[in-house]
């Protein structure tokens, strides 16, 4: 009977690398999430007044 442990370790490693890559991309502003558009797509108006949408990104990840 084979153990599935190496597969689990590989999956956790790949998931960790994916999360680190996403966090790095957000912090260095290689990836920009437009939260107002995303929330509108979900039907949750995050910024109904139409103000600047970059303030939520700055609050979430800070200044570069």
Protein backbone atom coordinates (compact mmCIF):
# COMPACT_ATOMS: atom_id res chain seq x y z
CA UNK A 1 0.00 0.00 0.00
CA UNK A 2 1.45 3.36 -1.06
CA UNK A 3 1.39 6.40 1.12
CA UNK A 4 -0.08 9.62 -0.26
CA UNK A 5 2.13 11.80 1.94
CA UNK A 6 4.56 12.97 -0.80
CA UNK A 7 1.62 14.17 -2.90
CA UNK A 8 0.17 16.09 0.05
CA UNK A 9 3.53 17.73 0.77
CA UNK A 10 3.89 18.71 -2.89
CA UNK A 11 0.39 20.21 -2.96
CA UNK A 12 1.03 22.23 0.20
CA UNK A 13 4.35 23.45 -1.21
CA UNK A 14 2.74 24.54 -4.48
CA UNK A 15 -0.11 26.25 -2.64
CA UNK A 16 2.40 28.10 -0.47
CA UNK A 17 4.37 29.24 -3.52
CA UNK A 18 1.17 30.45 -5.16
CA UNK A 19 0.19 32.47 -2.09
CA UNK A 20 3.67 33.97 -1.76
CA UNK A 21 3.63 34.91 -5.45
CA UNK A 22 0.22 36.56 -5.16
CA UNK A 23 1.25 38.46 -2.03
CA UNK A 24 4.46 39.65 -3.71
CA UNK A 25 2.57 40.72 -6.82
CA UNK A 26 0.06 42.70 -4.79
CA UNK A 27 2.72 44.33 -2.63
CA UNK A 28 4.88 45.37 -5.60
CA UNK A 29 1.79 46.44 -7.55
CA UNK A 30 2.37 43.97 -10.37
CA UNK A 31 -1.21 42.90 -9.70
CA UNK A 32 -3.86 45.50 -8.98
CA UNK A 33 -7.28 44.47 -7.78
CA UNK A 34 -10.07 46.91 -8.53
CA UNK A 35 -12.24 46.11 -5.51
CA UNK A 36 -15.08 48.39 -6.60
CA UNK A 37 -15.46 46.52 -9.92
CA UNK A 38 -15.17 43.16 -8.18
CA UNK A 39 -17.80 44.12 -5.61
CA UNK A 40 -20.10 45.48 -8.34
CA UNK A 41 -19.83 42.15 -10.16
CA UNK A 42 -20.91 40.44 -6.95
CA UNK A 43 -23.76 42.92 -6.50
CA UNK A 44 -22.19 44.59 -3.46
CA UNK A 45 -21.50 48.26 -4.20
CA UNK A 46 -18.37 48.98 -2.19
CA UNK A 47 -18.12 52.63 -3.17
CA UNK A 48 -21.54 53.94 -4.22
CA UNK A 49 -20.43 57.60 -4.23
CA UNK A 50 -17.88 56.97 -7.01
CA UNK A 51 -14.85 58.08 -5.00
CA UNK A 52 -11.29 56.96 -5.69
CA UNK A 53 -11.04 53.16 -5.66
CA UNK A 54 -7.31 53.03 -4.93
CA UNK A 55 -7.81 53.90 -1.27
CA UNK A 56 -9.02 50.38 -0.45
CA UNK A 57 -5.96 48.86 -2.15
CA UNK A 58 -3.72 51.23 -0.21
CA UNK A 59 -5.47 50.30 3.03
CA UNK A 60 -5.15 46.58 2.26
CA UNK A 61 -1.49 46.40 1.19
CA UNK A 62 -0.07 49.77 2.21
CA UNK A 63 2.08 52.12 0.21
CA UNK A 64 4.72 50.61 -2.12
